[in-house]
Amino acid sequence: MEDKIKEIVVTVLELSEDDAEQITEDTDLLEYGLDSMTCVEVVVNLEEEFGITVDEEDLLVENMSTIGKIKDLVEKYED
């Protein structure tokens, strides 16, 4: 799951291969260009990939600022 989330984030943020290699579970994605617009794009991709629907109140950049937080969000909706 973590690899797929990272792949989605790297694609949406249009990161270079070097930048992508630097991304870990705790990397602050805001430093790589995550903002409210790209956050929505990541959520749309997550919903398609994992068959989930994320509630509007969870569509906050703070909830998605790291791969770990995104993973927690996906797990919340997979149950």
C-alpha atoms as a PDB file:
ATOM      1  CA  MET A   1       0.000   0.000   0.000  1.00  0.00           C
ATOM      2  CA  GLU A   2       2.748   2.459   0.951  1.00  0.00           C
ATOM      3  CA  ASP A   3       4.498   1.964  -2.408  1.00  0.00           C
ATOM      4  CA  LYS A   4       1.291   2.647  -4.333  1.00  0.00           C
ATOM      5  CA  ILE A   5       0.585   5.787  -2.253  1.00  0.00           C
ATOM      6  CA  LYS A   6       4.121   7.017  -2.898  1.00  0.00           C
ATOM      7  CA  GLU A   7       3.718   6.323  -6.610  1.00  0.00           C
ATOM      8  CA  ILE A   8       0.503   8.390  -6.681  1.00  0.00           C
ATOM      9  CA  VAL A   9       2.111  11.274  -4.767  1.00  0.00           C
ATOM     10  CA  VAL A  10       5.219  11.277  -6.981  1.00  0.00           C
ATOM     11  CA  THR A  11       3.050  11.328 -10.115  1.00  0.00           C
ATOM     12  CA  VAL A  12       0.702  14.087  -8.907  1.00  0.00           C
ATOM     13  CA  LEU A  13       3.563  16.267  -7.652  1.00  0.00           C
ATOM     14  CA  GLU A  14       5.525  15.542 -10.848  1.00  0.00           C
ATOM     15  CA  LEU A  15       8.656  14.777  -8.859  1.00  0.00           C
ATOM     16  CA  SER A  16      11.963  13.915 -10.466  1.00  0.00           C
ATOM     17  CA  GLU A  17      13.423  10.466  -9.921  1.00  0.00           C
ATOM     18  CA  ASP A  18      15.981  11.971  -7.509  1.00  0.00           C
ATOM     19  CA  ASP A  19      13.265  13.713  -5.478  1.00  0.00           C
ATOM     20  CA  ALA A  20      11.131  10.566  -5.478  1.00  0.00           C
ATOM     21  CA  GLU A  21      14.014   8.589  -3.966  1.00  0.00           C
ATOM     22  CA  GLN A  22      14.199  11.100  -1.084  1.00  0.00           C
ATOM     23  CA  ILE A  23      10.557  10.593  -0.075  1.00  0.00           C
ATOM     24  CA  THR A  24      10.097   8.467   3.051  1.00  0.00           C
ATOM     25  CA  GLU A  25       7.049   7.780   5.204  1.00  0.00           C
ATOM     26  CA  ASP A  26       7.801  10.900   7.287  1.00  0.00           C
ATOM     27  CA  THR A  27       8.955  13.337   4.584  1.00  0.00           C
ATOM     28  CA  ASP A  28       7.087  16.662   4.665  1.00  0.00           C
ATOM     29  CA  LEU A  29       5.360  16.690   1.282  1.00  0.00           C
ATOM     30  CA  LEU A  30       4.670  20.431   1.585  1.00  0.00           C
ATOM     31  CA  GLU A  31       8.365  20.902   0.822  1.00  0.00           C
ATOM     32  CA  TYR A  32       7.792  19.077  -2.474  1.00  0.00           C
ATOM     33  CA  GLY A  33       4.840  21.192  -3.593  1.00  0.00           C
ATOM     34  CA  LEU A  34       1.812  19.589  -1.942  1.00  0.00           C
ATOM     35  CA  ASP A  35      -0.948  22.191  -1.662  1.00  0.00           C
ATOM     36  CA  SER A  36      -4.749  22.186  -1.547  1.00  0.00           C
ATOM     37  CA  MET A  37      -5.066  21.609  -5.306  1.00  0.00           C
ATOM     38  CA  THR A  38      -2.597  18.720  -5.502  1.00  0.00           C
ATOM     39  CA  CYS A  39      -4.074  17.330  -2.281  1.00  0.00           C
ATOM     40  CA  VAL A  40      -7.458  16.937  -4.015  1.00  0.00           C
ATOM     41  CA  GLU A  41      -5.759  15.308  -6.998  1.00  0.00           C
ATOM     42  CA  VAL A  42      -4.011  12.824  -4.693  1.00  0.00           C
ATOM     43  CA  VAL A  43      -7.335  12.000  -2.979  1.00  0.00           C
ATOM     44  CA  VAL A  44      -9.077  11.378  -6.318  1.00  0.00           C
ATOM     45  CA  ASN A  45      -6.295   8.963  -7.266  1.00  0.00           C
ATOM     46  CA  LEU A  46      -6.438   7.251  -3.871  1.00  0.00           C
ATOM     47  CA  GLU A  47     -10.202   6.837  -4.140  1.00  0.00           C
ATOM     48  CA  GLU A  48      -9.833   5.217  -7.564  1.00  0.00           C
ATOM     49  CA  GLU A  49      -6.899   3.011  -6.574  1.00  0.00           C
ATOM     50  CA  PHE A  50      -8.251   1.762  -3.244  1.00  0.00           C
ATOM     51  CA  GLY A  51     -12.017   1.934  -3.895  1.00  0.00           C
ATOM     52  CA  ILE A  52     -12.655   4.348  -1.034  1.00  0.00           C
ATOM     53  CA  THR A  53     -14.521   7.631  -0.589  1.00  0.00           C
ATOM     54  CA  VAL A  54     -12.818  10.236   1.591  1.00  0.00           C
ATOM     55  CA  ASP A  55     -15.152  12.561   3.528  1.00  0.00           C
ATOM     56  CA  GLU A  56     -14.846  16.294   2.887  1.00  0.00           C
ATOM     57  CA  GLU A  57     -13.785  17.022   6.471  1.00  0.00           C
ATOM     58  CA  ASP A  58     -10.664  14.887   5.894  1.00  0.00           C
ATOM     59  CA  LEU A  59      -9.629  16.815   2.775  1.00  0.00           C
ATOM     60  CA  LEU A  60      -7.063  18.870   4.640  1.00  0.00           C
ATOM     61  CA  VAL A  61      -3.447  19.305   3.635  1.00  0.00           C
ATOM     62  CA  GLU A  62      -2.480  18.600   7.276  1.00  0.00           C
ATOM     63  CA  ASN A  63      -4.028  15.114   6.939  1.00  0.00           C
ATOM     64  CA  MET A  64      -1.884  14.391   3.897  1.00  0.00           C
ATOM     65  CA  SER A  65       1.431  16.084   4.586  1.00  0.00           C
ATOM     66  CA  THR A  66       3.364  12.786   4.766  1.00  0.00           C
ATOM     67  CA  ILE A  67       3.092   9.348   3.174  1.00  0.00           C
ATOM     68  CA  GLY A  68       2.426   7.970   6.673  1.00  0.00           C
ATOM     69  CA  LYS A  69      -0.532  10.293   7.210  1.00  0.00           C
ATOM     70  CA  ILE A  70      -1.942   9.429   3.789  1.00  0.00           C
ATOM     71  CA  LYS A  71      -1.592   5.723   4.613  1.00  0.00           C
ATOM     72  CA  ASP A  72      -3.486   6.272   7.894  1.00  0.00           C
ATOM     73  CA  LEU A  73      -6.217   8.097   5.977  1.00  0.00           C
ATOM     74  CA  VAL A  74      -6.589   5.273   3.444  1.00  0.00           C
ATOM     75  CA  GLU A  75      -6.691   2.682   6.238  1.00  0.00           C
ATOM     76  CA  LYS A  76      -9.419   4.678   7.997  1.00  0.00           C
ATOM     77  CA  TYR A  77     -11.676   4.349   4.956  1.00  0.00           C
ATOM     78  CA  GLU A  78     -10.766   0.764   4.026  1.00  0.00           C
ATOM     79  CA  ASP A  79     -12.522  -0.645   7.106  1.00  0.00           C
END
